[in-house]
Each structure stands twice: as C-alpha cells, then as structure tokens.
Amino acid sequence: MKRLMMATVFFLPALLPCIAQTTPPATGTWAVAYEVAGLSITMSCVVTQADAKLTGTCTGDDKVAHPLTGEVKDTSITFKFDKTYDGSPITDTFIAPRGLESGKMTGTMSVAPLGVSGTFTATKQ
C-alpha cells in the first residue's frame, strides 16, 4: 500500500499536463471582415469547437445574432450562417483552406442563392 501511495505521488504530477484540457483552437470570439459584391462587411462571431464541429453566433451591424455551424476537416475550416438580405433568406459560407494560422483565418466566402463570392479574414480577439 505504501508503494502504491508513493507511486501515485510520484507519477501524478507528471501526468497532469496530459490530463489538463486545452481550449480547442477555433473556440473564441472572432472579428470577421469580408468583401463581397462591392460591399465591405464586418461581424463578430463567437465560436465553440467540440471535436470537429463548430457552433456559435455571428452578429453584424443589424445587432441580430445569427446561429453559426461549421466543421474542421483536415487542414480546412468551414462555417456558415443564415441571415436575410433585402427581405430574402441567404446563407453566407466561409472556407479557410489552411485553417488557423497564428490566430487568423483567411479564405473565400460565398452567398447562396445569390451566387456571389468574395474573400474574408477572421482574427481571434
């Protein structure tokens, strides 16, 4: 019994870094800026990553929190949210092919069903 206690006291501190949970890299608040169809748009997105799935909300000038969904796959991050434009529903989809690089995402975005696309940058706050 004494040996078991000694082994536990000795090895537990060595195992703690392995046991400690780290925040997934996409979790946090992101400042998203994108250019599409001649418009410059900024939003604040609060993202939670659980395994490969992303959830959260994106809020723009309209002060409406739009539910966000997405995924992390291989080296790519994809997320999207629905909103309205001129009274019609649209979906903004963002793809960062290289994922996160030093707290930044860059890539392309598209707006369905309008068929327009652009570029975006997201910076972790």
Protein backbone atom coordinates (compact mmCIF):
# COMPACT_ATOMS: atom_id res chain seq x y z
CA MET A 1 0.00 0.00 0.00
CA LYS A 2 2.83 2.35 0.87
CA ARG A 3 4.42 1.68 -2.55
CA LEU A 4 1.14 2.46 -4.31
CA MET A 5 0.89 5.78 -2.47
CA MET A 6 4.48 6.64 -3.32
CA ALA A 7 3.93 5.75 -7.00
CA THR A 8 0.78 7.89 -7.12
CA VAL A 9 2.52 10.86 -5.50
CA PHE A 10 5.48 10.49 -7.86
CA PHE A 11 3.63 9.96 -11.18
CA LEU A 12 0.52 12.15 -10.72
CA PRO A 13 2.34 15.47 -11.23
CA ALA A 14 3.93 14.07 -14.39
CA LEU A 15 0.50 13.08 -15.77
CA LEU A 16 -1.34 16.35 -15.01
CA PRO A 17 -0.27 18.13 -18.22
CA CYS A 18 -1.61 15.17 -20.21
CA ILE A 19 -4.91 15.23 -18.31
CA ALA A 20 -5.41 19.01 -18.49
CA GLN A 21 -7.99 20.14 -21.04
CA THR A 22 -6.93 22.71 -23.59
CA THR A 23 -9.27 25.06 -25.39
CA PRO A 24 -9.83 23.95 -28.99
CA PRO A 25 -8.14 26.40 -31.40
CA ALA A 26 -11.33 27.69 -33.09
CA THR A 27 -13.10 28.41 -29.78
CA GLY A 28 -13.33 32.13 -29.02
CA THR A 29 -14.51 35.46 -30.38
CA TRP A 30 -13.54 36.30 -33.94
CA ALA A 31 -13.60 39.61 -35.81
CA VAL A 32 -14.66 38.65 -39.34
CA ALA A 33 -14.23 41.08 -42.24
CA TYR A 34 -15.28 40.23 -45.76
CA GLU A 35 -15.62 41.80 -49.18
CA VAL A 36 -18.43 40.59 -51.41
CA ALA A 37 -20.26 42.16 -54.36
CA GLY A 38 -18.59 45.52 -53.71
CA LEU A 39 -19.60 45.57 -50.04
CA SER A 40 -17.29 45.55 -47.01
CA ILE A 41 -18.91 43.72 -44.10
CA THR A 42 -17.69 43.15 -40.54
CA MET A 43 -19.14 40.81 -37.96
CA SER A 44 -18.24 39.46 -34.56
CA CYS A 45 -18.53 35.67 -34.31
CA VAL A 46 -18.47 33.72 -31.07
CA VAL A 47 -17.40 30.16 -31.88
CA THR A 48 -17.29 26.97 -29.85
CA GLN A 49 -15.37 23.97 -31.18
CA ALA A 50 -16.25 20.47 -29.95
CA ASP A 51 -14.12 17.87 -31.71
CA ALA A 52 -14.56 18.71 -35.41
CA LYS A 53 -17.88 20.58 -35.05
CA LEU A 54 -18.30 24.35 -34.76
CA THR A 55 -21.30 26.17 -33.29
CA GLY A 56 -21.92 29.74 -32.22
CA THR A 57 -23.33 33.05 -33.40
CA CYS A 58 -22.29 35.89 -35.71
CA THR A 59 -23.53 39.42 -35.11
CA GLY A 60 -23.20 42.33 -37.51
CA ASP A 61 -24.44 45.89 -37.75
CA ASP A 62 -28.03 44.66 -37.55
CA LYS A 63 -27.32 43.52 -33.97
CA VAL A 64 -29.00 40.15 -34.71
CA ALA A 65 -27.17 37.02 -33.55
CA HIS A 66 -27.22 34.60 -36.47
CA PRO A 67 -26.62 30.92 -35.49
CA LEU A 68 -23.32 29.60 -36.88
CA THR A 69 -22.49 25.99 -37.77
CA GLY A 70 -19.35 24.52 -39.25
CA GLU A 71 -16.61 21.95 -39.14
CA VAL A 72 -12.89 21.45 -39.04
CA LYS A 73 -11.75 18.87 -41.58
CA ASP A 74 -8.12 18.01 -42.23
CA THR A 75 -6.47 21.42 -42.64
CA SER A 76 -9.67 23.29 -43.61
CA ILE A 77 -12.25 25.21 -41.57
CA THR A 78 -15.74 25.83 -42.94
CA PHE A 79 -18.51 27.78 -41.23
CA LYS A 80 -21.79 29.34 -42.29
CA PHE A 81 -24.80 31.23 -41.04
CA ASP A 82 -28.20 32.23 -42.40
CA LYS A 83 -29.49 35.79 -42.48
CA THR A 84 -31.71 37.99 -44.61
CA TYR A 85 -30.75 40.46 -47.32
CA ASP A 86 -33.39 42.77 -48.78
CA GLY A 87 -36.04 40.60 -47.12
CA SER A 88 -34.80 37.33 -48.67
CA PRO A 89 -33.05 34.49 -46.84
CA ILE A 90 -29.38 33.97 -47.71
CA THR A 91 -26.57 31.76 -46.44
CA ASP A 92 -23.02 33.10 -46.05
CA THR A 93 -20.45 30.28 -46.23
CA PHE A 94 -16.77 30.77 -45.33
CA ILE A 95 -13.89 28.41 -46.17
CA ALA A 96 -10.39 28.79 -44.73
CA PRO A 97 -8.42 26.09 -46.60
CA ARG A 98 -5.37 26.31 -44.32
CA GLY A 99 -7.39 26.57 -41.12
CA LEU A 100 -5.94 28.66 -38.32
CA GLU A 101 -2.61 30.37 -38.68
CA SER A 102 -1.46 32.30 -35.59
CA GLY A 103 -4.98 33.27 -34.55
CA LYS A 104 -6.09 34.15 -38.09
CA MET A 105 -8.21 32.56 -40.78
CA THR A 106 -8.23 33.70 -44.40
CA GLY A 107 -10.09 32.34 -47.35
CA THR A 108 -13.10 32.66 -49.59
CA MET A 109 -16.77 33.14 -48.90
CA SER A 110 -19.93 32.78 -50.94
CA VAL A 111 -23.53 33.87 -50.64
CA ALA A 112 -26.28 31.44 -51.65
CA PRO A 113 -28.57 31.65 -53.53
CA LEU A 114 -27.22 34.97 -54.88
CA GLY A 115 -24.21 33.30 -56.49
CA VAL A 116 -21.73 35.95 -55.41
CA SER A 117 -18.41 35.33 -53.70
CA GLY A 118 -15.56 37.18 -52.08
CA THR A 119 -12.71 36.91 -49.61
CA PHE A 120 -12.55 37.10 -45.83
CA THR A 121 -10.17 37.44 -42.93
CA ALA A 122 -11.02 36.46 -39.37
CA THR A 123 -8.87 37.46 -36.41
CA LYS A 124 -9.21 35.91 -32.96
CA GLN A 125 -9.91 38.55 -30.33
